[in-house]
Amino acid sequence: MQEPLMKRKDILHYPQLDTVLMVEKFIHNNSGEFKKMSLWKKLPKQMMYQTFCVIIDYLLESGKIAVDKDGKIAWIWDPEGVKKYLARKDLSWN
C-alpha cells in the first residue's frame, strides 16, 4: 500500500489555506460529479497536481470527503447533521 502523500518527505509545495478552502468549496458544490483528475482540471484556480493531491489526502484523512467505487469524490462532512442526531434522546450511541 502506498504511503499517504501528506507523510512523504518529498512534497515540493504545501497548499495555502485559501487554496484548501477553494478545493473544499468546489468539491462541496460539485459533490459526486468528478473523479480526481477531472476535478483538478475543473478547479477555478489551477495548481500543481502534487499540491492538489496533498489537499485531497488531507480531506480524506479528516473525513470531509469520500471516494465512491467509481472513483468520484463526494463531500460527506456534515457537522450540523451530526449535532442534530446527537441531540435526539430517542437515539443512543453504542
N, C-alpha and C. Protein backbone atom coordinates (compact mmCIF):
# COMPACT_ATOMS: atom_id res chain seq x y z
N MET A 1 0.84 -1.18 0.00
CA MET A 1 0.00 0.00 0.00
C MET A 1 0.88 1.24 0.00
N GLN A 2 0.51 2.22 -0.79
CA GLN A 2 1.30 3.43 -0.92
C GLN A 2 1.11 4.33 0.30
N GLU A 3 2.20 4.93 0.74
CA GLU A 3 2.16 5.84 1.87
C GLU A 3 1.40 7.11 1.48
N PRO A 4 0.53 7.65 2.36
CA PRO A 4 -0.19 8.87 2.02
C PRO A 4 0.76 10.00 1.65
N LEU A 5 0.35 10.81 0.70
CA LEU A 5 1.19 11.88 0.20
C LEU A 5 1.58 12.86 1.30
N MET A 6 0.70 13.10 2.26
CA MET A 6 0.99 14.06 3.32
C MET A 6 2.15 13.62 4.19
N LYS A 7 2.46 12.34 4.26
CA LYS A 7 3.52 11.85 5.12
C LYS A 7 4.86 11.73 4.41
N ARG A 8 4.87 11.97 3.13
CA ARG A 8 6.12 11.89 2.38
C ARG A 8 6.98 13.10 2.66
N LYS A 9 8.27 12.92 2.53
CA LYS A 9 9.22 14.00 2.77
C LYS A 9 9.54 14.76 1.49
N ASP A 10 9.04 14.28 0.35
CA ASP A 10 9.40 14.89 -0.92
C ASP A 10 8.35 15.86 -1.45
N ILE A 11 7.50 16.40 -0.58
CA ILE A 11 6.50 17.36 -1.01
C ILE A 11 7.19 18.67 -1.34
N LEU A 12 6.95 19.15 -2.56
CA LEU A 12 7.62 20.36 -3.02
C LEU A 12 6.91 21.63 -2.56
N HIS A 13 5.60 21.57 -2.45
CA HIS A 13 4.85 22.77 -2.13
C HIS A 13 3.63 22.41 -1.30
N TYR A 14 3.53 22.99 -0.13
CA TYR A 14 2.34 22.78 0.69
C TYR A 14 1.29 23.83 0.33
N PRO A 15 0.02 23.46 0.34
CA PRO A 15 -1.02 24.40 -0.06
C PRO A 15 -1.25 25.49 0.97
N GLN A 16 -1.66 26.66 0.49
CA GLN A 16 -2.08 27.74 1.37
C GLN A 16 -3.52 27.51 1.77
N LEU A 17 -3.92 28.12 2.86
CA LEU A 17 -5.27 27.94 3.38
C LEU A 17 -6.33 28.32 2.35
N ASP A 18 -6.16 29.42 1.65
CA ASP A 18 -7.16 29.83 0.67
C ASP A 18 -7.31 28.80 -0.45
N THR A 19 -6.23 28.11 -0.78
CA THR A 19 -6.28 27.07 -1.81
C THR A 19 -7.05 25.85 -1.30
N VAL A 20 -6.80 25.46 -0.06
CA VAL A 20 -7.53 24.34 0.54
C VAL A 20 -9.03 24.66 0.59
N LEU A 21 -9.36 25.87 1.02
CA LEU A 21 -10.76 26.27 1.11
C LEU A 21 -11.43 26.31 -0.26
N MET A 22 -10.69 26.72 -1.28
CA MET A 22 -11.24 26.75 -2.64
C MET A 22 -11.56 25.33 -3.10
N VAL A 23 -10.67 24.38 -2.83
CA VAL A 23 -10.91 22.99 -3.23
C VAL A 23 -12.09 22.42 -2.44
N GLU A 24 -12.15 22.71 -1.14
CA GLU A 24 -13.28 22.25 -0.32
C GLU A 24 -14.60 22.76 -0.89
N LYS A 25 -14.66 24.04 -1.18
CA LYS A 25 -15.90 24.65 -1.70
C LYS A 25 -16.29 24.03 -3.04
N PHE A 26 -15.30 23.83 -3.92
CA PHE A 26 -15.59 23.25 -5.22
C PHE A 26 -16.14 21.83 -5.08
N ILE A 27 -15.52 21.04 -4.21
CA ILE A 27 -15.99 19.66 -4.00
C ILE A 27 -17.39 19.68 -3.39
N HIS A 28 -17.61 20.55 -2.41
CA HIS A 28 -18.92 20.65 -1.76
C HIS A 28 -20.00 21.00 -2.78
N ASN A 29 -19.72 21.94 -3.67
CA ASN A 29 -20.70 22.38 -4.67
C ASN A 29 -20.89 21.38 -5.82
N ASN A 30 -19.90 20.52 -6.04
CA ASN A 30 -19.96 19.56 -7.16
C ASN A 30 -19.82 18.12 -6.66
N SER A 31 -20.36 17.85 -5.50
CA SER A 31 -20.19 16.56 -4.84
C SER A 31 -20.65 15.39 -5.72
N GLY A 32 -19.77 14.43 -5.89
CA GLY A 32 -20.10 13.21 -6.62
C GLY A 32 -20.06 13.33 -8.13
N GLU A 33 -19.64 14.47 -8.67
CA GLU A 33 -19.65 14.67 -10.11
C GLU A 33 -18.34 14.31 -10.81
N PHE A 34 -17.21 14.46 -10.11
CA PHE A 34 -15.92 14.32 -10.78
C PHE A 34 -15.02 13.30 -10.10
N LYS A 35 -14.19 12.67 -10.92
CA LYS A 35 -13.10 11.86 -10.41
C LYS A 35 -11.93 12.80 -10.13
N LYS A 36 -10.89 12.28 -9.51
CA LYS A 36 -9.79 13.11 -9.04
C LYS A 36 -9.17 13.98 -10.14
N MET A 37 -8.77 13.42 -11.26
CA MET A 37 -8.11 14.17 -12.32
C MET A 37 -9.06 15.20 -12.93
N SER A 38 -10.30 14.82 -13.17
CA SER A 38 -11.29 15.74 -13.74
C SER A 38 -11.53 16.92 -12.79
N LEU A 39 -11.63 16.61 -11.52
CA LEU A 39 -11.85 17.65 -10.52
C LEU A 39 -10.70 18.65 -10.54
N TRP A 40 -9.48 18.16 -10.58
CA TRP A 40 -8.30 19.02 -10.61
C TRP A 40 -8.33 19.94 -11.83
N LYS A 41 -8.72 19.42 -12.97
CA LYS A 41 -8.76 20.21 -14.20
C LYS A 41 -9.87 21.26 -14.20
N LYS A 42 -10.95 21.01 -13.44
CA LYS A 42 -12.11 21.92 -13.42
C LYS A 42 -12.02 23.00 -12.35
N LEU A 43 -11.02 22.95 -11.48
CA LEU A 43 -10.91 23.93 -10.41
C LEU A 43 -10.84 25.35 -10.97
N PRO A 44 -11.41 26.33 -10.24
CA PRO A 44 -11.38 27.71 -10.72
C PRO A 44 -9.96 28.30 -10.79
N LYS A 45 -9.08 27.80 -9.96
CA LYS A 45 -7.69 28.27 -9.94
C LYS A 45 -6.78 27.05 -10.07
N GLN A 46 -5.88 27.07 -11.03
CA GLN A 46 -5.00 25.93 -11.24
C GLN A 46 -3.87 25.89 -10.21
N MET A 47 -3.40 24.68 -9.95
CA MET A 47 -2.29 24.47 -9.01
C MET A 47 -1.54 23.22 -9.46
N MET A 48 -0.39 23.01 -8.88
CA MET A 48 0.38 21.80 -9.19
C MET A 48 -0.44 20.59 -8.75
N TYR A 49 -0.37 19.51 -9.53
CA TYR A 49 -1.13 18.31 -9.21
C TYR A 49 -0.69 17.73 -7.87
N GLN A 50 0.59 17.82 -7.57
CA GLN A 50 1.09 17.31 -6.29
C GLN A 50 0.46 18.07 -5.12
N THR A 51 0.32 19.37 -5.25
CA THR A 51 -0.32 20.17 -4.21
C THR A 51 -1.78 19.77 -4.06
N PHE A 52 -2.46 19.56 -5.17
CA PHE A 52 -3.85 19.10 -5.17
C PHE A 52 -3.96 17.76 -4.45
N CYS A 53 -3.03 16.85 -4.71
CA CYS A 53 -3.05 15.53 -4.06
C CYS A 53 -2.86 15.65 -2.55
N VAL A 54 -2.05 16.59 -2.10
CA VAL A 54 -1.88 16.82 -0.66
C VAL A 54 -3.21 17.26 -0.06
N ILE A 55 -3.92 18.14 -0.73
CA ILE A 55 -5.23 18.60 -0.25
C ILE A 55 -6.23 17.45 -0.21
N ILE A 56 -6.27 16.65 -1.26
CA ILE A 56 -7.19 15.50 -1.30
C ILE A 56 -6.88 14.52 -0.17
N ASP A 57 -5.60 14.24 0.05
CA ASP A 57 -5.21 13.34 1.15
C ASP A 57 -5.68 13.90 2.50
N TYR A 58 -5.50 15.20 2.69
CA TYR A 58 -5.94 15.84 3.93
C TYR A 58 -7.45 15.71 4.10
N LEU A 59 -8.21 16.00 3.04
CA LEU A 59 -9.67 15.94 3.12
C LEU A 59 -10.17 14.52 3.36
N LEU A 60 -9.50 13.53 2.78
CA LEU A 60 -9.85 12.13 3.02
C LEU A 60 -9.57 11.74 4.46
N GLU A 61 -8.38 12.08 4.95
CA GLU A 61 -7.99 11.70 6.31
C GLU A 61 -8.81 12.41 7.37
N SER A 62 -9.30 13.61 7.06
CA SER A 62 -10.09 14.35 8.03
C SER A 62 -11.58 13.98 7.97
N GLY A 63 -11.96 13.12 7.02
CA GLY A 63 -13.34 12.66 6.93
C GLY A 63 -14.29 13.64 6.27
N LYS A 64 -13.76 14.59 5.51
CA LYS A 64 -14.62 15.56 4.84
C LYS A 64 -15.10 15.08 3.48
N ILE A 65 -14.32 14.21 2.84
CA ILE A 65 -14.70 13.67 1.54
C ILE A 65 -14.56 12.16 1.55
N ALA A 66 -15.17 11.55 0.56
CA ALA A 66 -15.04 10.11 0.35
C ALA A 66 -14.99 9.86 -1.15
N VAL A 67 -14.46 8.71 -1.53
CA VAL A 67 -14.38 8.32 -2.93
C VAL A 67 -15.25 7.09 -3.12
N ASP A 68 -16.16 7.15 -4.09
CA ASP A 68 -17.04 6.01 -4.32
C ASP A 68 -16.35 4.94 -5.17
N LYS A 69 -17.06 3.86 -5.45
CA LYS A 69 -16.46 2.74 -6.17
C LYS A 69 -16.05 3.10 -7.60
N ASP A 70 -16.65 4.17 -8.15
CA ASP A 70 -16.29 4.62 -9.49
C ASP A 70 -15.15 5.63 -9.49
N GLY A 71 -14.69 6.01 -8.30
CA GLY A 71 -13.60 6.98 -8.19
C GLY A 71 -14.06 8.42 -8.09
N LYS A 72 -15.37 8.65 -8.00
CA LYS A 72 -15.88 10.01 -7.89
C LYS A 72 -15.78 10.48 -6.45
N ILE A 73 -15.45 11.76 -6.30
CA ILE A 73 -15.22 12.34 -4.98
C ILE A 73 -16.49 13.05 -4.52
N ALA A 74 -16.92 12.75 -3.28
CA ALA A 74 -18.14 13.34 -2.73
C ALA A 74 -17.85 13.98 -1.38
N TRP A 75 -18.55 15.05 -1.10
CA TRP A 75 -18.45 15.76 0.18
C TRP A 75 -19.34 15.03 1.18
N ILE A 76 -18.79 14.62 2.33
CA ILE A 76 -19.57 13.89 3.33
C ILE A 76 -19.60 14.58 4.69
N TRP A 77 -18.84 15.64 4.87
CA TRP A 77 -18.75 16.32 6.16
C TRP A 77 -20.05 17.06 6.43
N ASP A 78 -20.70 16.77 7.55
CA ASP A 78 -21.97 17.39 7.90
C ASP A 78 -22.06 17.57 9.42
N PRO A 79 -21.32 18.53 9.97
CA PRO A 79 -21.33 18.69 11.44
C PRO A 79 -22.70 19.08 11.99
N GLU A 80 -23.48 19.85 11.25
CA GLU A 80 -24.82 20.24 11.73
C GLU A 80 -25.74 19.02 11.80
N GLY A 81 -25.65 18.15 10.81
CA GLY A 81 -26.45 16.93 10.84
C GLY A 81 -26.07 16.03 12.00
N VAL A 82 -24.80 15.94 12.28
CA VAL A 82 -24.32 15.13 13.40
C VAL A 82 -24.85 15.69 14.71
N LYS A 83 -24.77 17.02 14.89
CA LYS A 83 -25.28 17.65 16.11
C LYS A 83 -26.76 17.37 16.30
N LYS A 84 -27.51 17.43 15.19
CA LYS A 84 -28.95 17.21 15.25
C LYS A 84 -29.26 15.79 15.75
N TYR A 85 -28.54 14.79 15.22
CA TYR A 85 -28.79 13.41 15.63
C TYR A 85 -28.28 13.12 17.04
N LEU A 86 -27.17 13.74 17.43
CA LEU A 86 -26.65 13.54 18.78
C LEU A 86 -27.58 14.13 19.84
N ALA A 87 -28.32 15.17 19.48
CA ALA A 87 -29.23 15.82 20.42
C ALA A 87 -30.52 15.03 20.63
N ARG A 88 -30.81 14.10 19.73
CA ARG A 88 -32.05 13.34 19.86
C ARG A 88 -31.95 12.32 20.99
N LYS A 89 -32.90 12.36 21.90
CA LYS A 89 -32.92 11.46 23.05
C LYS A 89 -33.34 10.04 22.68
N ASP A 90 -34.08 9.89 21.56
CA ASP A 90 -34.55 8.56 21.16
C ASP A 90 -33.46 7.75 20.46
N LEU A 91 -32.33 8.38 20.17
CA LEU A 91 -31.21 7.68 19.56
C LEU A 91 -30.11 7.49 20.60
N SER A 92 -29.44 6.38 20.55
CA SER A 92 -28.36 6.16 21.52
C SER A 92 -27.09 5.74 20.80
N TRP A 93 -26.00 5.98 21.42
CA TRP A 93 -24.68 5.64 20.88
C TRP A 93 -24.20 4.35 21.51
N ASN A 94 -23.92 3.33 20.70
CA ASN A 94 -23.47 2.04 21.24
C ASN A 94 -21.99 1.89 21.08
